[in-house]
N, C-alpha and C. Protein backbone atom coordinates (compact mmCIF):
# COMPACT_ATOMS: atom_id res chain seq x y z
N UNK A 1 97.26 120.43 176.17
CA UNK A 1 97.77 119.13 176.49
C UNK A 1 99.24 119.21 176.43
N UNK A 2 99.90 118.41 177.19
CA UNK A 2 101.36 118.29 177.38
C UNK A 2 101.81 116.91 176.75
N UNK A 3 102.74 116.76 175.72
CA UNK A 3 103.14 115.59 175.16
C UNK A 3 104.47 115.36 175.67
N UNK A 4 104.89 114.20 176.13
CA UNK A 4 106.22 113.93 176.73
C UNK A 4 106.47 112.43 176.23
N UNK A 5 107.91 112.22 176.09
CA UNK A 5 108.26 110.90 175.65
C UNK A 5 109.24 110.38 176.68
N UNK A 6 109.18 109.17 177.15
CA UNK A 6 110.06 108.57 178.00
C UNK A 6 110.33 107.05 177.44
N UNK A 7 111.58 106.80 176.99
CA UNK A 7 111.74 105.52 176.32
C UNK A 7 111.06 105.33 175.16
N UNK A 8 110.13 104.29 175.23
CA UNK A 8 109.22 104.02 174.08
C UNK A 8 107.83 104.22 174.46
N UNK A 9 107.49 105.23 175.19
CA UNK A 9 106.11 105.54 175.63
C UNK A 9 105.93 107.08 175.42
N UNK A 10 104.83 107.44 174.82
CA UNK A 10 104.32 108.78 174.66
C UNK A 10 103.34 109.02 175.69
N UNK A 11 103.42 110.05 176.49
CA UNK A 11 102.40 110.33 177.58
C UNK A 11 101.71 111.68 177.06
N UNK A 12 100.42 111.64 177.36
CA UNK A 12 99.54 112.79 177.07
C UNK A 12 98.98 113.22 178.44
N UNK A 13 99.31 114.45 178.86
CA UNK A 13 98.75 114.97 180.20
C UNK A 13 97.99 116.27 179.87
N UNK A 14 96.99 116.50 180.72
CA UNK A 14 96.34 117.80 180.73
C UNK A 14 97.42 118.73 181.19
N UNK A 15 97.61 119.92 180.50
CA UNK A 15 98.51 120.99 180.87
C UNK A 15 97.82 122.01 181.80
N UNK A 16 98.37 122.27 182.81
CA UNK A 16 97.84 123.38 183.72
C UNK A 16 98.38 124.70 183.19
N UNK A 17 97.64 125.72 183.54
CA UNK A 17 98.01 127.10 183.26
C UNK A 17 99.45 127.63 183.75
N UNK A 18 99.83 126.96 184.80
CA UNK A 18 101.23 127.34 185.22
C UNK A 18 102.30 126.58 184.63
N UNK A 19 102.00 125.77 183.58
CA UNK A 19 102.98 124.91 182.86
C UNK A 19 103.21 123.61 183.57
N UNK A 20 102.67 123.41 184.63
CA UNK A 20 102.72 122.02 185.20
C UNK A 20 101.83 121.08 184.52
N UNK A 21 102.11 119.78 184.82
CA UNK A 21 101.09 118.81 184.16
C UNK A 21 100.07 118.24 185.11
N UNK A 22 98.96 117.93 184.59
CA UNK A 22 97.82 117.48 185.39
C UNK A 22 97.55 115.99 185.16
N UNK A 23 96.31 115.73 185.03
CA UNK A 23 95.87 114.39 184.87
C UNK A 23 96.49 113.71 183.62
N UNK A 24 96.86 112.52 183.70
CA UNK A 24 97.34 111.65 182.56
C UNK A 24 96.26 111.23 181.75
N UNK A 25 96.14 111.59 180.49
CA UNK A 25 95.05 111.31 179.56
C UNK A 25 95.34 110.03 178.74
N UNK A 26 96.48 109.79 178.39
CA UNK A 26 96.94 108.65 177.71
C UNK A 26 98.39 108.28 177.84
N UNK A 27 98.56 106.93 177.74
CA UNK A 27 99.86 106.38 177.84
C UNK A 27 99.93 105.41 176.59
N UNK A 28 100.86 105.87 175.58
CA UNK A 28 100.80 105.24 174.38
C UNK A 28 102.16 104.56 174.00
N UNK A 29 102.20 103.23 173.63
CA UNK A 29 103.40 102.55 173.34
C UNK A 29 103.82 102.96 171.98
N UNK A 30 104.86 103.68 171.81
CA UNK A 30 105.18 104.22 170.48
C UNK A 30 105.37 103.21 169.40
N UNK A 31 105.87 102.07 169.57
CA UNK A 31 106.07 101.05 168.49
C UNK A 31 104.73 100.56 167.88
N UNK A 32 103.59 100.73 168.61
CA UNK A 32 102.24 100.39 168.26
C UNK A 32 101.48 101.45 167.53
N UNK A 33 102.04 102.73 167.37
CA UNK A 33 101.29 103.78 166.71
C UNK A 33 101.43 103.51 165.22
N UNK A 34 100.30 103.84 164.65
CA UNK A 34 100.13 103.76 163.16
C UNK A 34 99.88 104.90 162.50
N UNK A 35 100.07 104.97 161.11
CA UNK A 35 99.72 106.18 160.33
C UNK A 35 100.25 107.47 161.01
N UNK A 36 101.48 107.53 161.35
CA UNK A 36 102.05 108.76 161.99
C UNK A 36 102.26 109.81 160.90
N UNK A 37 101.70 111.00 161.19
CA UNK A 37 101.94 112.15 160.27
C UNK A 37 102.37 113.40 161.16
N UNK A 38 103.35 114.13 160.62
CA UNK A 38 103.82 115.22 161.45
C UNK A 38 104.35 116.23 160.43
N UNK A 39 104.06 117.52 160.70
CA UNK A 39 104.62 118.67 160.09
C UNK A 39 104.87 119.80 160.93
N UNK A 40 106.06 120.38 160.99
CA UNK A 40 106.40 121.37 161.89
C UNK A 40 106.94 122.51 161.04
N UNK A 41 106.57 123.76 161.34
CA UNK A 41 106.94 124.99 160.66
C UNK A 41 107.22 126.01 161.72
N UNK A 42 107.57 127.19 161.01
CA UNK A 42 107.87 128.45 161.82
C UNK A 42 106.82 128.92 162.68
N UNK A 43 105.47 128.63 162.27
CA UNK A 43 104.34 129.14 163.12
C UNK A 43 103.68 127.90 163.69
N UNK A 44 104.29 126.85 163.84
CA UNK A 44 103.47 125.72 164.50
C UNK A 44 103.49 124.69 163.45
N UNK A 45 102.75 123.53 163.99
CA UNK A 45 102.68 122.33 163.19
C UNK A 45 101.63 121.45 163.56
N UNK A 46 101.58 120.32 162.95
CA UNK A 46 100.42 119.33 163.32
C UNK A 46 101.11 117.89 163.42
N UNK A 47 100.54 117.16 164.23
CA UNK A 47 100.95 115.81 164.60
C UNK A 47 99.68 114.95 164.80
N UNK A 48 99.70 113.74 164.15
CA UNK A 48 98.70 112.96 164.23
C UNK A 48 99.00 111.46 164.04
N UNK A 49 98.21 110.48 164.57
CA UNK A 49 98.52 109.08 164.50
C UNK A 49 97.28 108.31 164.93
N UNK A 50 97.24 106.96 164.71
CA UNK A 50 96.21 106.08 165.21
C UNK A 50 96.85 105.14 166.16
N UNK A 51 96.11 104.85 167.05
CA UNK A 51 96.63 104.00 168.26
C UNK A 51 95.32 103.36 168.79
N UNK A 52 95.38 102.16 169.01
CA UNK A 52 94.24 101.37 169.68
C UNK A 52 92.84 101.70 169.16
N UNK A 53 92.71 101.82 167.80
CA UNK A 53 91.50 102.13 167.03
C UNK A 53 91.04 103.57 167.39
N UNK A 54 91.87 104.35 167.87
CA UNK A 54 91.57 105.83 167.95
C UNK A 54 92.48 106.66 167.20
N UNK A 55 91.93 107.85 166.66
CA UNK A 55 92.81 108.79 166.06
C UNK A 55 93.09 109.89 167.02
N UNK A 56 94.34 110.39 167.05
CA UNK A 56 94.78 111.44 167.82
C UNK A 56 95.41 112.41 166.93
N UNK A 57 94.94 113.75 167.21
CA UNK A 57 95.44 114.88 166.31
C UNK A 57 95.82 115.94 167.33
N UNK A 58 96.93 116.55 167.14
CA UNK A 58 97.48 117.63 167.99
C UNK A 58 97.98 118.73 167.07
N UNK A 59 97.98 119.96 167.50
CA UNK A 59 98.59 121.08 167.10
C UNK A 59 99.83 121.30 167.91
N UNK A 60 101.00 121.72 167.16
CA UNK A 60 102.29 121.81 167.80
C UNK A 60 102.60 123.31 167.86
N UNK A 61 103.45 123.71 168.78
CA UNK A 61 103.86 125.05 168.92
C UNK A 61 105.12 125.25 167.97
N UNK A 62 105.47 126.49 167.66
CA UNK A 62 106.55 126.79 166.84
C UNK A 62 107.93 126.03 167.27
N UNK A 63 108.75 125.79 166.42
CA UNK A 63 110.03 125.16 166.70
C UNK A 63 109.85 123.63 167.24
N UNK A 64 108.87 122.98 166.79
CA UNK A 64 108.69 121.52 167.24
C UNK A 64 109.27 120.48 166.26
N UNK A 65 110.26 120.93 165.49
CA UNK A 65 110.92 120.12 164.41
C UNK A 65 111.55 118.91 164.90
N UNK A 66 112.25 119.00 166.12
CA UNK A 66 112.78 117.77 166.73
C UNK A 66 111.90 116.79 167.21
N UNK A 67 110.66 117.27 167.67
CA UNK A 67 109.65 116.45 168.15
C UNK A 67 109.13 115.59 167.01
N UNK A 68 108.79 116.24 165.81
CA UNK A 68 108.25 115.70 164.79
C UNK A 68 109.26 114.69 164.12
N UNK A 69 110.58 115.11 164.01
CA UNK A 69 111.68 114.24 163.35
C UNK A 69 111.72 112.97 164.19
N UNK A 70 111.50 113.06 165.50
CA UNK A 70 111.52 111.69 166.40
C UNK A 70 110.65 110.66 165.89
N UNK A 71 109.42 111.13 165.31
CA UNK A 71 108.51 110.09 164.86
C UNK A 71 108.43 109.88 163.42
N UNK A 72 108.75 111.04 162.60
CA UNK A 72 108.72 110.85 161.17
C UNK A 72 110.04 111.01 160.61
N UNK A 73 110.55 109.95 160.14
CA UNK A 73 111.91 109.79 159.67
C UNK A 73 112.02 109.64 158.17
C-alpha cells in the first residue's frame, strides 16, 4: 500500500511493483482520525488509527520518522 498526504487528507492506494500507484483504497479526512498511534525505528515502524468505525494498521519502512511525527506530536 502507498500512503500519501495532501492538505488534510490521507490517501491509501494500492502500490504497484514498479512503484506507481494503483487503485485508491481509501480517502481519509485527517482531522476525523481517532486513536492515532505511530512508532518509527531504524528497521521500520507501525502506524494505526480508527476512522469511520474501522481500524487501520500499517507497517512502515525504515526512516519513517517524519511521517509518524506528522500525526503523533
